[in-house]
Amino acid sequence: MAQLHWWNLGRPEVPGLGLHPERKHAEVTVMLNTPTPALEERVDGHTVLVHVRDTSNEESMPRRASWVAEQAGVTVIGGPVRG
């Protein structure tokens, strides 16, 4: 089990979805052989968390998460988690 975390990334503006460029909270976490960041349970798959915090426009967060998932050819499988 392992966890990789990237921060200081940037996300582009997506005018068609009303999304502004984002740098401050553009992060990605990949968990290998575990479904949670706590590394408590071993599984055969991997999990990717996309951090899309935007305290100035919280209603944009689901649109941003869906857009990021589309870029990777996948869909969002869970709801928002605050932490």
PDB file of N, CA and C in Angstrom:
ATOM      1  N   MET A   1       0.852  -1.168   0.000  1.00  0.00           N
ATOM      2  CA  MET A   1       0.000   0.000   0.000  1.00  0.00           C
ATOM      3  C   MET A   1       0.899   1.232   0.000  1.00  0.00           C
ATOM      4  N   ALA A   2       0.452   2.241  -0.716  1.00  0.00           N
ATOM      5  CA  ALA A   2       1.220   3.483  -0.785  1.00  0.00           C
ATOM      6  C   ALA A   2       0.301   4.632  -1.169  1.00  0.00           C
ATOM      7  N   GLN A   3       0.811   5.834  -0.966  1.00  0.00           N
ATOM      8  CA  GLN A   3       0.059   7.032  -1.309  1.00  0.00           C
ATOM      9  C   GLN A   3       1.013   8.036  -1.951  1.00  0.00           C
ATOM     10  N   LEU A   4       0.608   8.600  -3.083  1.00  0.00           N
ATOM     11  CA  LEU A   4       1.367   9.652  -3.761  1.00  0.00           C
ATOM     12  C   LEU A   4       0.496  10.904  -3.779  1.00  0.00           C
ATOM     13  N   HIS A   5       1.090  12.044  -3.487  1.00  0.00           N
ATOM     14  CA  HIS A   5       0.315  13.280  -3.423  1.00  0.00           C
ATOM     15  C   HIS A   5       1.049  14.367  -4.204  1.00  0.00           C
ATOM     16  N   TRP A   6       0.327  14.995  -5.150  1.00  0.00           N
ATOM     17  CA  TRP A   6       0.885  16.114  -5.903  1.00  0.00           C
ATOM     18  C   TRP A   6       0.116  17.371  -5.539  1.00  0.00           C
ATOM     19  N   TRP A   7       0.826  18.468  -5.313  1.00  0.00           N
ATOM     20  CA  TRP A   7       0.184  19.736  -5.040  1.00  0.00           C
ATOM     21  C   TRP A   7       0.884  20.814  -5.857  1.00  0.00           C
ATOM     22  N   ASN A   8       0.433  22.028  -5.755  1.00  0.00           N
ATOM     23  CA  ASN A   8       0.931  23.143  -6.562  1.00  0.00           C
ATOM     24  C   ASN A   8       0.735  22.890  -8.048  1.00  0.00           C
ATOM     25  N   LEU A   9      -0.332  22.213  -8.385  1.00  0.00           N
ATOM     26  CA  LEU A   9      -0.694  21.993  -9.778  1.00  0.00           C
ATOM     27  C   LEU A   9      -1.546  23.176 -10.232  1.00  0.00           C
ATOM     28  N   GLY A  10      -1.939  23.186 -11.467  1.00  0.00           N
ATOM     29  CA  GLY A  10      -2.828  24.228 -11.964  1.00  0.00           C
ATOM     30  C   GLY A  10      -3.912  23.616 -12.814  1.00  0.00           C
ATOM     31  N   ARG A  11      -5.088  24.186 -12.722  1.00  0.00           N
ATOM     32  CA  ARG A  11      -6.199  23.744 -13.577  1.00  0.00           C
ATOM     33  C   ARG A  11      -6.620  24.924 -14.433  1.00  0.00           C
ATOM     34  N   PRO A  12      -6.894  24.668 -15.702  1.00  0.00           N
ATOM     35  CA  PRO A  12      -7.228  25.767 -16.608  1.00  0.00           C
ATOM     36  C   PRO A  12      -8.660  26.264 -16.434  1.00  0.00           C
ATOM     37  N   GLU A  13      -8.900  27.416 -17.012  1.00  0.00           N
ATOM     38  CA  GLU A  13     -10.255  27.938 -17.086  1.00  0.00           C
ATOM     39  C   GLU A  13     -11.061  27.064 -18.044  1.00  0.00           C
ATOM     40  N   VAL A  14     -12.313  26.794 -17.692  1.00  0.00           N
ATOM     41  CA  VAL A  14     -13.230  26.062 -18.568  1.00  0.00           C
ATOM     42  C   VAL A  14     -14.473  26.943 -18.702  1.00  0.00           C
ATOM     43  N   PRO A  15     -14.431  27.905 -19.643  1.00  0.00           N
ATOM     44  CA  PRO A  15     -15.522  28.880 -19.745  1.00  0.00           C
ATOM     45  C   PRO A  15     -16.903  28.261 -19.953  1.00  0.00           C
ATOM     46  N   GLY A  16     -16.984  27.173 -20.698  1.00  0.00           N
ATOM     47  CA  GLY A  16     -18.274  26.543 -20.952  1.00  0.00           C
ATOM     48  C   GLY A  16     -18.948  26.009 -19.700  1.00  0.00           C
ATOM     49  N   LEU A  17     -18.163  25.756 -18.659  1.00  0.00           N
ATOM     50  CA  LEU A  17     -18.715  25.265 -17.392  1.00  0.00           C
ATOM     51  C   LEU A  17     -18.672  26.324 -16.295  1.00  0.00           C
ATOM     52  N   GLY A  18     -18.220  27.520 -16.641  1.00  0.00           N
ATOM     53  CA  GLY A  18     -18.119  28.584 -15.643  1.00  0.00           C
ATOM     54  C   GLY A  18     -17.023  28.344 -14.623  1.00  0.00           C
ATOM     55  N   LEU A  19     -15.946  27.667 -15.021  1.00  0.00           N
ATOM     56  CA  LEU A  19     -14.846  27.360 -14.106  1.00  0.00           C
ATOM     57  C   LEU A  19     -13.664  28.287 -14.380  1.00  0.00           C
ATOM     58  N   HIS A  20     -13.176  28.924 -13.351  1.00  0.00           N
ATOM     59  CA  HIS A  20     -12.041  29.828 -13.453  1.00  0.00           C
ATOM     60  C   HIS A  20     -10.741  29.046 -13.276  1.00  0.00           C
ATOM     61  N   PRO A  21      -9.614  29.596 -13.714  1.00  0.00           N
ATOM     62  CA  PRO A  21      -8.337  28.916 -13.470  1.00  0.00           C
ATOM     63  C   PRO A  21      -8.131  28.728 -11.966  1.00  0.00           C
ATOM     64  N   GLU A  22      -7.498  27.640 -11.604  1.00  0.00           N
ATOM     65  CA  GLU A  22      -7.282  27.360 -10.177  1.00  0.00           C
ATOM     66  C   GLU A  22      -5.858  26.883  -9.967  1.00  0.00           C
ATOM     67  N   ARG A  23      -5.200  27.436  -8.961  1.00  0.00           N
ATOM     68  CA  ARG A  23      -3.838  27.018  -8.618  1.00  0.00           C
ATOM     69  C   ARG A  23      -3.710  26.637  -7.140  1.00  0.00           C
ATOM     70  N   LYS A  24      -4.373  27.368  -6.281  1.00  0.00           N
ATOM     71  CA  LYS A  24      -4.160  27.184  -4.843  1.00  0.00           C
ATOM     72  C   LYS A  24      -4.538  25.795  -4.345  1.00  0.00           C
ATOM     73  N   HIS A  25      -5.688  25.273  -4.759  1.00  0.00           N
ATOM     74  CA  HIS A  25      -6.152  23.992  -4.234  1.00  0.00           C
ATOM     75  C   HIS A  25      -6.203  22.904  -5.302  1.00  0.00           C
ATOM     76  N   ALA A  26      -5.358  23.001  -6.295  1.00  0.00           N
ATOM     77  CA  ALA A  26      -5.323  21.986  -7.343  1.00  0.00           C
ATOM     78  C   ALA A  26      -4.364  20.886  -6.898  1.00  0.00           C
ATOM     79  N   GLU A  27      -4.920  19.808  -6.370  1.00  0.00           N
ATOM     80  CA  GLU A  27      -4.119  18.702  -5.848  1.00  0.00           C
ATOM     81  C   GLU A  27      -4.697  17.369  -6.311  1.00  0.00           C
ATOM     82  N   VAL A  28      -3.855  16.353  -6.350  1.00  0.00           N
ATOM     83  CA  VAL A  28      -4.270  14.995  -6.695  1.00  0.00           C
ATOM     84  C   VAL A  28      -3.573  14.034  -5.747  1.00  0.00           C
ATOM     85  N   THR A  29      -4.311  13.045  -5.234  1.00  0.00           N
ATOM     86  CA  THR A  29      -3.745  11.997  -4.400  1.00  0.00           C
ATOM     87  C   THR A  29      -4.071  10.649  -5.036  1.00  0.00           C
ATOM     88  N   VAL A  30      -3.061   9.806  -5.186  1.00  0.00           N
ATOM     89  CA  VAL A  30      -3.251   8.451  -5.716  1.00  0.00           C
ATOM     90  C   VAL A  30      -2.943   7.474  -4.592  1.00  0.00           C
ATOM     91  N   MET A  31      -3.889   6.570  -4.322  1.00  0.00           N
ATOM     92  CA  MET A  31      -3.679   5.548  -3.300  1.00  0.00           C
ATOM     93  C   MET A  31      -3.570   4.194  -3.986  1.00  0.00           C
ATOM     94  N   LEU A  32      -2.465   3.537  -3.796  1.00  0.00           N
ATOM     95  CA  LEU A  32      -2.198   2.251  -4.437  1.00  0.00           C
ATOM     96  C   LEU A  32      -2.558   1.114  -3.499  1.00  0.00           C
ATOM     97  N   ASN A  33      -3.435   0.245  -3.964  1.00  0.00           N
ATOM     98  CA  ASN A  33      -3.890  -0.930  -3.216  1.00  0.00           C
ATOM     99  C   ASN A  33      -4.573  -0.579  -1.905  1.00  0.00           C
ATOM    100  N   THR A  34      -5.232   0.575  -1.866  1.00  0.00           N
ATOM    101  CA  THR A  34      -6.018   0.968  -0.701  1.00  0.00           C
ATOM    102  C   THR A  34      -7.077   1.973  -1.133  1.00  0.00           C
ATOM    103  N   PRO A  35      -8.268   1.936  -0.545  1.00  0.00           N
ATOM    104  CA  PRO A  35      -9.326   2.859  -0.962  1.00  0.00           C
ATOM    105  C   PRO A  35      -9.356   4.180  -0.190  1.00  0.00           C
ATOM    106  N   THR A  36      -8.548   4.314   0.854  1.00  0.00           N
ATOM    107  CA  THR A  36      -8.614   5.517   1.679  1.00  0.00           C
ATOM    108  C   THR A  36      -7.221   6.063   1.976  1.00  0.00           C
ATOM    109  N   PRO A  37      -7.106   7.354   2.240  1.00  0.00           N
ATOM    110  CA  PRO A  37      -5.807   7.940   2.568  1.00  0.00           C
ATOM    111  C   PRO A  37      -5.207   7.408   3.863  1.00  0.00           C
ATOM    112  N   ALA A  38      -6.025   6.811   4.730  1.00  0.00           N
ATOM    113  CA  ALA A  38      -5.515   6.296   6.003  1.00  0.00           C
ATOM    114  C   ALA A  38      -4.721   4.997   5.836  1.00  0.00           C
ATOM    115  N   LEU A  39      -4.749   4.406   4.634  1.00  0.00           N
ATOM    116  CA  LEU A  39      -4.014   3.171   4.345  1.00  0.00           C
ATOM    117  C   LEU A  39      -4.393   2.042   5.305  1.00  0.00           C
ATOM    118  N   GLU A  40      -5.680   1.965   5.648  1.00  0.00           N
ATOM    119  CA  GLU A  40      -6.133   0.975   6.634  1.00  0.00           C
ATOM    120  C   GLU A  40      -6.557  -0.352   6.034  1.00  0.00           C
ATOM    121  N   GLU A  41      -6.895  -0.363   4.753  1.00  0.00           N
ATOM    122  CA  GLU A  41      -7.445  -1.572   4.140  1.00  0.00           C
ATOM    123  C   GLU A  41      -6.728  -1.847   2.830  1.00  0.00           C
ATOM    124  N   ARG A  42      -6.332  -3.099   2.630  1.00  0.00           N
ATOM    125  CA  ARG A  42      -5.664  -3.481   1.386  1.00  0.00           C
ATOM    126  C   ARG A  42      -6.698  -3.998   0.391  1.00  0.00           C
ATOM    127  N   VAL A  43      -6.618  -3.500  -0.860  1.00  0.00           N
ATOM    128  CA  VAL A  43      -7.503  -3.948  -1.940  1.00  0.00           C
ATOM    129  C   VAL A  43      -6.649  -4.160  -3.190  1.00  0.00           C
ATOM    130  N   ASP A  44      -7.230  -4.803  -4.191  1.00  0.00           N
ATOM    131  CA  ASP A  44      -6.494  -5.049  -5.427  1.00  0.00           C
ATOM    132  C   ASP A  44      -6.453  -3.841  -6.355  1.00  0.00           C
ATOM    133  N   GLY A  45      -7.300  -2.845  -6.134  1.00  0.00           N
ATOM    134  CA  GLY A  45      -7.369  -1.692  -7.032  1.00  0.00           C
ATOM    135  C   GLY A  45      -6.678  -0.467  -6.470  1.00  0.00           C
ATOM    136  N   HIS A  46      -6.837   0.615  -7.194  1.00  0.00           N
ATOM    137  CA  HIS A  46      -6.239   1.887  -6.813  1.00  0.00           C
ATOM    138  C   HIS A  46      -7.329   2.950  -6.787  1.00  0.00           C
ATOM    139  N   THR A  47      -7.095   4.012  -6.049  1.00  0.00           N
ATOM    140  CA  THR A  47      -8.058   5.093  -5.920  1.00  0.00           C
ATOM    141  C   THR A  47      -7.355   6.416  -6.193  1.00  0.00           C
ATOM    142  N   VAL A  48      -8.038   7.316  -6.901  1.00  0.00           N
ATOM    143  CA  VAL A  48      -7.506   8.651  -7.169  1.00  0.00           C
ATOM    144  C   VAL A  48      -8.448   9.668  -6.548  1.00  0.00           C
ATOM    145  N   LEU A  49      -7.900  10.541  -5.725  1.00  0.00           N
ATOM    146  CA  LEU A  49      -8.674  11.639  -5.151  1.00  0.00           C
ATOM    147  C   LEU A  49      -8.251  12.922  -5.851  1.00  0.00           C
ATOM    148  N   VAL A  50      -9.232  13.681  -6.301  1.00  0.00           N
ATOM    149  CA  VAL A  50      -8.969  14.972  -6.921  1.00  0.00           C
ATOM    150  C   VAL A  50      -9.481  16.033  -5.956  1.00  0.00           C
ATOM    151  N   HIS A  51      -8.593  16.890  -5.506  1.00  0.00           N
ATOM    152  CA  HIS A  51      -8.952  17.924  -4.540  1.00  0.00           C
ATOM    153  C   HIS A  51      -9.411  19.158  -5.307  1.00  0.00           C
ATOM    154  N   VAL A  52     -10.649  19.586  -5.083  1.00  0.00           N
ATOM    155  CA  VAL A  52     -11.222  20.697  -5.836  1.00  0.00           C
ATOM    156  C   VAL A  52     -11.842  21.751  -4.913  1.00  0.00           C
ATOM    157  N   ARG A  53     -11.186  22.042  -3.828  1.00  0.00           N
ATOM    158  CA  ARG A  53     -11.722  23.045  -2.906  1.00  0.00           C
ATOM    159  C   ARG A  53     -11.787  24.416  -3.568  1.00  0.00           C
ATOM    160  N   ASP A  54     -12.900  25.080  -3.400  1.00  0.00           N
ATOM    161  CA  ASP A  54     -13.060  26.445  -3.881  1.00  0.00           C
ATOM    162  C   ASP A  54     -14.032  27.128  -2.933  1.00  0.00           C
ATOM    163  N   THR A  55     -13.510  27.728  -1.898  1.00  0.00           N
ATOM    164  CA  THR A  55     -14.369  28.320  -0.874  1.00  0.00           C
ATOM    165  C   THR A  55     -15.116  29.539  -1.394  1.00  0.00           C
ATOM    166  N   SER A  56     -14.649  30.139  -2.488  1.00  0.00           N
ATOM    167  CA  SER A  56     -15.348  31.303  -3.028  1.00  0.00           C
ATOM    168  C   SER A  56     -16.527  30.902  -3.909  1.00  0.00           C
ATOM    169  N   ASN A  57     -16.561  29.630  -4.352  1.00  0.00           N
ATOM    170  CA  ASN A  57     -17.636  29.189  -5.242  1.00  0.00           C
ATOM    171  C   ASN A  57     -17.836  27.688  -5.066  1.00  0.00           C
ATOM    172  N   GLU A  58     -18.424  27.297  -3.939  1.00  0.00           N
ATOM    173  CA  GLU A  58     -18.577  25.873  -3.620  1.00  0.00           C
ATOM    174  C   GLU A  58     -19.430  25.122  -4.627  1.00  0.00           C
ATOM    175  N   GLU A  59     -20.379  25.794  -5.267  1.00  0.00           N
ATOM    176  CA  GLU A  59     -21.228  25.084  -6.226  1.00  0.00           C
ATOM    177  C   GLU A  59     -20.465  24.660  -7.474  1.00  0.00           C
ATOM    178  N   SER A  60     -19.272  25.212  -7.706  1.00  0.00           N
ATOM    179  CA  SER A  60     -18.480  24.815  -8.874  1.00  0.00           C
ATOM    180  C   SER A  60     -17.688  23.534  -8.634  1.00  0.00           C
ATOM    181  N   MET A  61     -17.552  23.108  -7.389  1.00  0.00           N
ATOM    182  CA  MET A  61     -16.691  21.959  -7.085  1.00  0.00           C
ATOM    183  C   MET A  61     -17.131  20.667  -7.778  1.00  0.00           C
ATOM    184  N   PRO A  62     -18.415  20.298  -7.791  1.00  0.00           N
ATOM    185  CA  PRO A  62     -18.793  19.075  -8.517  1.00  0.00           C
ATOM    186  C   PRO A  62     -18.523  19.177 -10.022  1.00  0.00           C
ATOM    187  N   ARG A  63     -18.731  20.368 -10.601  1.00  0.00           N
ATOM    188  CA  ARG A  63     -18.437  20.545 -12.036  1.00  0.00           C
ATOM    189  C   ARG A  63     -16.953  20.376 -12.303  1.00  0.00           C
ATOM    190  N   ARG A  64     -16.123  20.918 -11.419  1.00  0.00           N
ATOM    191  CA  ARG A  64     -14.663  20.795 -11.589  1.00  0.00           C
ATOM    192  C   ARG A  64     -14.247  19.342 -11.470  1.00  0.00           C
ATOM    193  N   ALA A  65     -14.763  18.639 -10.476  1.00  0.00           N
ATOM    194  CA  ALA A  65     -14.394  17.227 -10.294  1.00  0.00           C
ATOM    195  C   ALA A  65     -14.801  16.406 -11.520  1.00  0.00           C
ATOM    196  N   SER A  66     -15.997  16.648 -12.030  1.00  0.00           N
ATOM    197  CA  SER A  66     -16.450  15.917 -13.220  1.00  0.00           C
ATOM    198  C   SER A  66     -15.586  16.239 -14.432  1.00  0.00           C
ATOM    199  N   TRP A  67     -15.215  17.506 -14.590  1.00  0.00           N
ATOM    200  CA  TRP A  67     -14.371  17.904 -15.723  1.00  0.00           C
ATOM    201  C   TRP A  67     -13.008  17.217 -15.641  1.00  0.00           C
ATOM    202  N   VAL A  68     -12.401  17.211 -14.450  1.00  0.00           N
ATOM    203  CA  VAL A  68     -11.094  16.563 -14.283  1.00  0.00           C
ATOM    204  C   VAL A  68     -11.208  15.070 -14.604  1.00  0.00           C
ATOM    205  N   ALA A  69     -12.258  14.415 -14.118  1.00  0.00           N
ATOM    206  CA  ALA A  69     -12.452  12.985 -14.399  1.00  0.00           C
ATOM    207  C   ALA A  69     -12.599  12.739 -15.892  1.00  0.00           C
ATOM    208  N   GLU A  70     -13.351  13.584 -16.583  1.00  0.00           N
ATOM    209  CA  GLU A  70     -13.519  13.428 -18.032  1.00  0.00           C
ATOM    210  C   GLU A  70     -12.188  13.493 -18.765  1.00  0.00           C
ATOM    211  N   GLN A  71     -11.281  14.347 -18.301  1.00  0.00           N
ATOM    212  CA  GLN A  71      -9.980  14.476 -18.957  1.00  0.00           C
ATOM    213  C   GLN A  71      -9.184  13.177 -18.874  1.00  0.00           C
ATOM    214  N   ALA A  72      -9.471  12.370 -17.846  1.00  0.00           N
ATOM    215  CA  ALA A  72      -8.783  11.082 -17.671  1.00  0.00           C
ATOM    216  C   ALA A  72      -9.603   9.922 -18.235  1.00  0.00           C
ATOM    217  N   GLY A  73     -10.782  10.221 -18.804  1.00  0.00           N
ATOM    218  CA  GLY A  73     -11.617   9.177 -19.380  1.00  0.00           C
ATOM    219  C   GLY A  73     -12.366   8.354 -18.350  1.00  0.00           C
ATOM    220  N   VAL A  74     -12.603   8.916 -17.172  1.00  0.00           N
ATOM    221  CA  VAL A  74     -13.326   8.207 -16.109  1.00  0.00           C
ATOM    222  C   VAL A  74     -14.452   9.101 -15.593  1.00  0.00           C
ATOM    223  N   THR A  75     -15.219   8.593 -14.647  1.00  0.00           N
ATOM    224  CA  THR A  75     -16.286   9.379 -14.040  1.00  0.00           C
ATOM    225  C   THR A  75     -16.089   9.448 -12.536  1.00  0.00           C
ATOM    226  N   VAL A  76     -16.715  10.415 -11.933  1.00  0.00           N
ATOM    227  CA  VAL A  76     -16.687  10.562 -10.476  1.00  0.00           C
ATOM    228  C   VAL A  76     -17.538   9.457  -9.882  1.00  0.00           C
ATOM    229  N   ILE A  77     -17.000   8.735  -8.882  1.00  0.00           N
ATOM    230  CA  ILE A  77     -17.748   7.614  -8.294  1.00  0.00           C
ATOM    231  C   ILE A  77     -18.214   7.904  -6.869  1.00  0.00           C
ATOM    232  N   GLY A  78     -17.838   9.033  -6.324  1.00  0.00           N
ATOM    233  CA  GLY A  78     -18.222   9.339  -4.954  1.00  0.00           C
ATOM    234  C   GLY A  78     -18.554  10.812  -4.810  1.00  0.00           C
ATOM    235  N   GLY A  79     -19.212  11.118  -3.726  1.00  0.00           N
ATOM    236  CA  GLY A  79     -19.568  12.497  -3.451  1.00  0.00           C
ATOM    237  C   GLY A  79     -18.442  13.242  -2.769  1.00  0.00           C
ATOM    238  N   PRO A  80     -18.663  14.516  -2.522  1.00  0.00           N
ATOM    239  CA  PRO A  80     -17.632  15.323  -1.881  1.00  0.00           C
ATOM    240  C   PRO A  80     -17.359  14.864  -0.446  1.00  0.00           C
ATOM    241  N   VAL A  81     -16.124  15.001  -0.057  1.00  0.00           N
ATOM    242  CA  VAL A  81     -15.699  14.689   1.315  1.00  0.00           C
ATOM    243  C   VAL A  81     -14.948  15.905   1.828  1.00  0.00           C
ATOM    244  N   ARG A  82     -15.383  16.409   2.930  1.00  0.00           N
ATOM    245  CA  ARG A  82     -14.682  17.566   3.529  1.00  0.00           C
ATOM    246  C   ARG A  82     -13.649  17.048   4.514  1.00  0.00           C
ATOM    247  N   GLY A  83     -12.494  17.649   4.441  1.00  0.00           N
ATOM    248  CA  GLY A  83     -11.463  17.188   5.355  1.00  0.00           C
ATOM    249  C   GLY A  83     -10.385  18.178   5.561  1.00  0.00           C
TER     250      GLY A  83
END
